[in-house]
Protein backbone atom coordinates (compact mmCIF):
# COMPACT_ATOMS: atom_id res chain seq x y z
CA MET A 1 -36.22 3.75 -11.20
CA HIS A 2 -38.08 7.00 -10.76
CA TYR A 3 -37.39 10.52 -9.47
CA LYS A 4 -39.14 12.31 -6.62
CA LYS A 5 -38.81 15.87 -5.35
CA TYR A 6 -37.97 16.45 -1.69
CA LYS A 7 -37.93 19.66 0.34
CA HIS A 8 -34.76 18.70 2.21
CA ILE A 9 -31.91 16.27 1.63
CA LEU A 10 -29.83 16.42 4.83
CA GLN A 11 -30.94 15.44 8.33
CA ALA A 12 -29.87 17.49 11.33
CA ASN A 13 -27.48 14.74 12.47
CA GLY A 14 -25.70 14.74 9.11
CA ARG A 15 -27.43 11.69 7.65
CA LEU A 16 -27.81 11.82 3.89
CA ASN A 17 -30.04 9.37 2.00
CA LEU A 18 -29.81 9.85 -1.76
CA THR A 19 -32.13 7.03 -2.81
CA ARG A 20 -34.86 4.77 -1.47
CA GLY A 21 -34.90 1.09 -2.32
CA CYS A 22 -32.08 -1.17 -3.43
CA ILE A 23 -31.11 -3.62 -6.17
CA HIS A 24 -28.53 -5.60 -4.19
CA ALA A 25 -31.21 -8.28 -3.50
CA CYS A 26 -29.76 -9.28 -0.12
CA ILE A 27 -32.14 -11.85 1.30
CA TYR A 28 -31.97 -10.34 4.81
CA CYS A 29 -32.40 -6.62 4.05
CA ASP A 30 -34.08 -4.72 6.91
CA SER A 31 -34.82 -1.75 4.63
CA ARG A 32 -37.66 -3.79 3.09
CA SER A 33 -39.60 -3.45 6.36
CA ASP A 34 -43.04 -1.84 6.12
CA CYS A 35 -42.17 0.62 8.89
CA TYR A 36 -40.10 2.66 6.42
CA GLN A 37 -43.28 3.41 4.44
CA MET A 38 -41.83 2.90 1.00
CA ASN A 39 -44.77 3.49 -1.32
CA HIS A 40 -43.18 1.81 -4.32
CA ASP A 41 -41.61 -1.51 -5.21
CA PHE A 42 -38.35 -1.94 -3.31
CA THR A 43 -36.34 -2.53 -6.48
CA ASP A 44 -37.90 0.48 -8.24
CA ILE A 45 -35.24 2.84 -6.97
CA GLU A 46 -36.49 6.26 -5.94
CA ILE A 47 -33.92 8.92 -6.85
CA LYS A 48 -34.07 12.15 -4.90
CA GLU A 49 -34.29 14.82 -7.57
CA ASP A 50 -31.75 17.67 -7.55
CA ALA A 51 -29.97 16.07 -4.60
CA ALA A 52 -26.61 17.76 -5.23
CA MET A 53 -28.19 21.19 -5.66
CA MET A 54 -30.20 20.85 -2.44
CA LEU A 55 -27.15 19.58 -0.58
CA ASP A 56 -25.13 22.54 -1.82
CA GLN A 57 -27.75 24.95 -0.51
CA GLU A 58 -28.10 23.21 2.85
CA LEU A 59 -24.36 22.90 3.50
CA SER A 60 -23.84 26.56 2.63
CA ARG A 61 -26.18 27.45 5.51
CA LYS A 62 -24.36 25.31 8.07
CA LYS A 63 -22.44 27.38 10.62
CA LYS A 64 -20.49 24.36 11.85
CA LYS A 65 -19.14 21.38 9.94
CA ILE A 66 -20.41 17.96 10.95
CA MET A 67 -19.71 14.47 9.65
CA ILE A 68 -21.91 13.69 6.65
CA LYS A 69 -22.97 10.04 6.74
CA THR A 70 -24.64 8.09 3.95
CA GLY A 71 -25.43 4.47 3.14
CA ALA A 72 -27.44 3.36 6.17
CA MET A 73 -30.71 2.81 4.28
CA SER A 74 -29.52 2.22 0.71
CA ASP A 75 -26.07 1.77 -0.75
CA PRO A 76 -24.69 4.94 -2.37
CA PHE A 77 -22.71 2.73 -4.78
CA MET A 78 -25.36 0.53 -6.35
CA ASP A 79 -24.83 -0.49 -9.97
CA LEU A 80 -26.89 2.56 -11.01
CA GLU A 81 -24.23 4.98 -9.79
CA PRO A 82 -21.83 4.77 -12.78
CA VAL A 83 -24.73 5.97 -14.94
CA LEU A 84 -26.42 8.41 -12.55
CA LYS A 85 -23.25 9.80 -10.93
CA GLN A 86 -25.49 11.25 -8.22
CA THR A 87 -23.32 10.04 -5.37
CA ARG A 88 -20.24 11.56 -6.95
CA ALA A 89 -22.05 14.85 -7.52
CA CYS A 90 -23.01 15.00 -3.83
CA PHE A 91 -19.51 14.05 -2.71
CA GLU A 92 -18.16 16.88 -4.87
CA VAL A 93 -20.47 19.26 -2.99
CA ILE A 94 -19.27 17.87 0.34
CA SER A 95 -15.67 18.39 -0.78
CA LYS A 96 -16.42 21.92 -2.01
CA HIS A 97 -17.71 22.94 1.42
CA GLY A 98 -14.93 21.16 3.31
CA PHE A 99 -17.21 18.78 5.22
CA PRO A 100 -16.02 15.38 6.47
CA LEU A 101 -17.63 12.26 5.03
CA SER A 102 -18.38 8.69 6.03
CA PHE A 103 -20.21 6.27 3.76
CA GLN A 104 -21.34 2.66 4.18
CA THR A 105 -21.26 0.26 1.23
CA LYS A 106 -21.03 -3.36 0.04
CA SER A 107 -19.45 -2.28 -3.23
CA ASP A 108 -16.04 -1.47 -4.66
CA LEU A 109 -17.49 1.02 -7.16
CA PHE A 110 -16.29 3.88 -4.97
CA LEU A 111 -12.80 3.17 -6.33
CA LYS A 112 -13.89 4.98 -9.51
CA ASP A 113 -14.16 8.11 -7.36
CA LEU A 114 -10.86 7.62 -5.59
CA ASP A 115 -9.54 10.94 -6.85
CA LEU A 116 -12.34 12.77 -5.07
CA LEU A 117 -12.19 10.60 -1.95
CA LYS A 118 -8.45 11.20 -1.62
CA LYS A 119 -9.15 14.93 -1.76
CA ILE A 120 -11.75 14.72 1.02
CA HIS A 121 -9.36 12.57 3.05
CA LYS A 122 -6.57 15.11 2.62
CA THR A 123 -8.50 18.33 3.19
CA SER A 124 -11.12 17.21 5.73
CA ARG A 125 -11.79 13.68 6.98
CA LEU A 126 -13.00 10.43 5.39
CA VAL A 127 -14.11 7.19 7.06
CA VAL A 128 -15.26 4.27 4.91
CA GLN A 129 -17.67 1.72 6.38
CA MET A 130 -17.67 -1.64 4.58
CA THR A 131 -20.09 -4.51 5.21
CA ILE A 132 -18.85 -8.11 5.11
CA THR A 133 -21.15 -10.99 6.06
CA CYS A 134 -19.29 -14.07 4.87
CA MET A 135 -15.77 -14.90 3.77
CA ASP A 136 -16.83 -17.33 1.06
CA ASP A 137 -17.59 -15.64 -2.28
CA ASP A 138 -20.05 -18.37 -3.30
CA LEU A 139 -22.07 -18.00 -0.12
CA SER A 140 -22.05 -14.22 -0.50
CA LEU A 141 -23.36 -14.59 -4.05
CA LYS A 142 -26.15 -16.77 -2.72
CA ILE A 143 -27.45 -14.51 0.05
CA GLU A 144 -26.51 -11.09 -1.42
CA PRO A 145 -26.48 -11.79 -5.18
CA ASN A 146 -25.94 -8.31 -6.61
CA VAL A 147 -23.18 -7.00 -4.37
CA THR A 148 -19.44 -6.95 -5.00
CA SER A 149 -17.77 -10.23 -4.03
CA THR A 150 -16.24 -10.48 -0.58
CA SER A 151 -12.76 -10.91 -2.04
CA ALA A 152 -13.17 -7.76 -4.16
CA ARG A 153 -14.41 -5.82 -1.14
CA PHE A 154 -11.33 -6.82 0.81
CA GLU A 155 -9.16 -5.77 -2.13
CA ALA A 156 -10.85 -2.37 -1.99
CA ILE A 157 -10.08 -2.18 1.74
CA LYS A 158 -6.45 -2.94 0.93
CA ILE A 159 -6.36 0.04 -1.46
CA LEU A 160 -7.84 2.26 1.25
CA ARG A 161 -5.30 1.00 3.77
CA ASP A 162 -2.45 1.87 1.42
CA LEU A 163 -3.86 5.40 1.24
CA ASN A 164 -4.16 5.59 5.04
CA ILE A 165 -7.95 6.00 4.75
CA PRO A 166 -9.60 4.43 7.83
CA VAL A 167 -12.09 1.59 7.42
CA ILE A 168 -14.77 0.44 9.85
CA LEU A 169 -16.11 -3.04 9.14
CA TRP A 170 -19.73 -4.06 9.67
CA ILE A 171 -19.95 -7.81 10.31
CA SER A 172 -23.69 -8.06 9.97
CA PRO A 173 -25.93 -9.92 9.70
CA LEU A 174 -24.84 -13.45 10.55
CA LEU A 175 -27.84 -15.60 9.69
CA PRO A 176 -28.62 -18.60 11.92
CA TYR A 177 -27.66 -21.89 10.22
CA ILE A 178 -26.23 -20.07 7.18
CA ASN A 179 -23.18 -17.94 8.01
CA ASP A 180 -23.16 -17.89 11.82
CA ASP A 181 -20.25 -20.30 12.28
CA LEU A 182 -17.01 -19.52 14.11
CA ASP A 183 -14.80 -20.38 11.12
CA ASN A 184 -16.52 -17.69 9.05
CA LEU A 185 -16.08 -15.06 11.76
CA LYS A 186 -12.43 -16.03 12.33
CA ALA A 187 -11.66 -15.69 8.62
CA ILE A 188 -13.28 -12.25 8.39
CA LEU A 189 -11.50 -10.99 11.50
CA ASN A 190 -8.10 -12.36 10.45
CA ARG A 191 -8.32 -10.70 7.04
CA SER A 192 -9.52 -7.48 8.65
CA LYS A 193 -6.55 -7.48 11.01
CA GLU A 194 -4.15 -8.04 8.10
CA LEU A 195 -5.62 -5.02 6.33
CA GLY A 196 -5.50 -2.70 9.33
CA VAL A 197 -9.25 -2.24 9.81
CA LYS A 198 -9.78 0.38 12.54
CA GLY A 199 -12.93 -1.03 14.09
CA VAL A 200 -15.68 -3.61 13.84
CA ILE A 201 -19.38 -2.87 14.23
CA TRP A 202 -21.06 -5.90 15.75
CA TYR A 203 -24.64 -6.16 16.98
CA GLY A 204 -24.47 -9.86 17.71
CA ALA A 205 -24.94 -12.91 15.51
CA GLY A 206 -28.44 -12.78 14.09
CA LEU A 207 -30.76 -10.52 12.15
CA THR A 208 -33.91 -8.43 12.51
CA LEU A 209 -37.22 -9.57 11.04
CA ARG A 210 -40.45 -7.60 10.92
CA ARG A 211 -43.37 -7.20 8.56
CA GLY A 212 -42.09 -6.58 5.07
CA ASN A 213 -38.61 -8.00 5.28
CA ARG A 214 -39.69 -11.18 7.13
CA GLU A 215 -41.91 -12.30 4.26
CA TYR A 216 -39.20 -11.68 1.68
CA PHE A 217 -36.57 -13.44 3.80
CA TYR A 218 -38.75 -16.51 4.23
CA GLN A 219 -39.50 -16.63 0.49
CA GLN A 220 -35.77 -16.69 -0.17
CA LEU A 221 -35.20 -19.38 2.46
CA ASP A 222 -37.80 -21.56 0.71
CA ARG A 223 -35.96 -21.04 -2.57
CA LEU A 224 -32.39 -21.40 -1.34
CA TYR A 225 -32.63 -23.54 1.80
CA PRO A 226 -35.77 -25.73 1.67
CA GLY A 227 -36.98 -26.58 5.16
CA LEU A 228 -35.05 -23.84 6.94
CA LYS A 229 -38.05 -21.49 7.17
CA LYS A 230 -39.89 -24.09 9.25
CA LYS A 231 -36.90 -24.32 11.57
CA TYR A 232 -36.81 -20.52 11.95
CA ILE A 233 -40.52 -20.31 12.77
CA GLU A 234 -40.30 -23.13 15.31
CA GLU A 235 -37.22 -21.69 17.00
CA PHE A 236 -37.80 -17.93 16.76
CA GLY A 237 -41.54 -17.46 16.22
CA PHE A 238 -42.24 -13.86 15.21
CA ARG A 239 -39.45 -12.21 17.18
CA TYR A 240 -37.94 -8.97 15.92
CA HIS A 241 -34.43 -9.90 17.06
CA VAL A 242 -33.55 -13.35 15.75
CA MET A 243 -30.35 -14.34 17.54
CA SER A 244 -28.12 -17.27 16.63
CA LYS A 245 -27.56 -19.98 19.23
CA ASN A 246 -23.86 -19.29 18.59
CA ASN A 247 -24.18 -15.62 19.51
CA GLU A 248 -22.44 -15.81 22.90
CA GLU A 249 -19.52 -17.84 21.55
CA LEU A 250 -19.06 -15.58 18.52
CA THR A 251 -19.40 -12.36 20.52
CA ASN A 252 -16.85 -13.49 23.08
CA TYR A 253 -14.44 -14.49 20.34
CA LEU A 254 -14.83 -11.16 18.55
CA HIS A 255 -14.36 -9.12 21.72
CA ASN A 256 -11.24 -11.07 22.72
CA PHE A 257 -9.81 -10.84 19.21
CA CYS A 258 -10.35 -7.10 18.99
CA GLU A 259 -8.89 -6.52 22.46
CA LYS A 260 -5.81 -8.56 21.56
CA PHE A 261 -5.11 -6.73 18.30
CA GLY A 262 -6.22 -3.22 19.22
CA ILE A 263 -9.30 -3.09 16.99
CA MET A 264 -12.20 -0.94 18.18
CA TYR A 265 -15.42 -2.86 18.87
CA LYS A 266 -17.27 -0.94 21.58
CA GLU A 267 -20.29 0.77 20.05
CA ASP A 268 -19.87 4.20 21.67
CA GLU A 269 -16.16 4.31 20.86
CA ILE A 270 -16.71 3.46 17.20
CA TRP A 271 -19.51 5.97 16.65
CA ASP A 272 -17.51 8.67 18.41
CA TYR A 273 -14.65 7.86 16.04
CA ILE A 274 -16.87 7.97 12.95
CA ASN A 275 -18.61 11.21 13.93
CA TYR A 276 -15.54 13.06 15.18
CA PHE A 277 -14.53 16.29 13.45
CA ASP A 278 -12.58 19.12 15.02
CA ASN A 279 -13.70 22.36 13.36
CA ARG A 280 -10.65 24.11 14.80
CA ASN A 281 -8.15 21.75 13.19
CA PRO A 282 -8.23 21.27 9.41
CA ASN A 283 -5.54 18.59 9.63
CA GLN A 284 -7.63 15.74 11.02
CA LEU A 285 -5.11 13.04 10.17
CA SER A 286 -2.80 13.98 13.02
CA LEU A 287 -5.57 13.24 15.49
CA PHE A 288 -5.80 9.57 14.54
């Protein structure tokens, strides 16, 4: 890992990226794409120097509170976090200024900061976004080797449910011929329903491939699923959106399931829910 100075830490829309790169080693990771102009090895994590101090300064200048969102480009709870404690330091700043928070993760390490998260949930607003790609722990270990197991992630969701902290589930990506089967989706949705997940983010069954992440993905297919790369190239060519042949069936099932059990799945509705914060009402819980 290495440190780099930045002039700003927070985007105008509330997005907060504390690091660049990742050590989860997910075979499908879009953040490896060349378009993100990462001028270092992807696993050589770039730490934004003095992130908490910069965030403190930038939040103090905000006239209106907005939802702070982190985790879209790199997980704020990688295995480095227990040592660095950078994510916690920034969350303490967010709590200090009374801003709402939403973070996306594939880890249960955030449970170590549950004291702080409960405080943000109580005094402002907290929405946790968790990614689940496959119900089977062994398959998860194969395609995303350094993330928390699926079963442990669901246990973390259970803890959040018991604290009345809302969870939005990302079911993405579902890789053609690997985890794009209906049984896998059914199992994820059934467990999510049991645990009271508020909504599901779904961009269809498939993945995105472009220069940078395509090469890495195909290398991993050669290693893990010999012969599958050839099938991908023959079927999908060099498309950016690689959609499963099961996409229509899976999408229809998900939509019907969510409608039946009152789980949000419409994109605009979910993002409105995540981003919502009423500056006039400090007690956000009553609104949901």
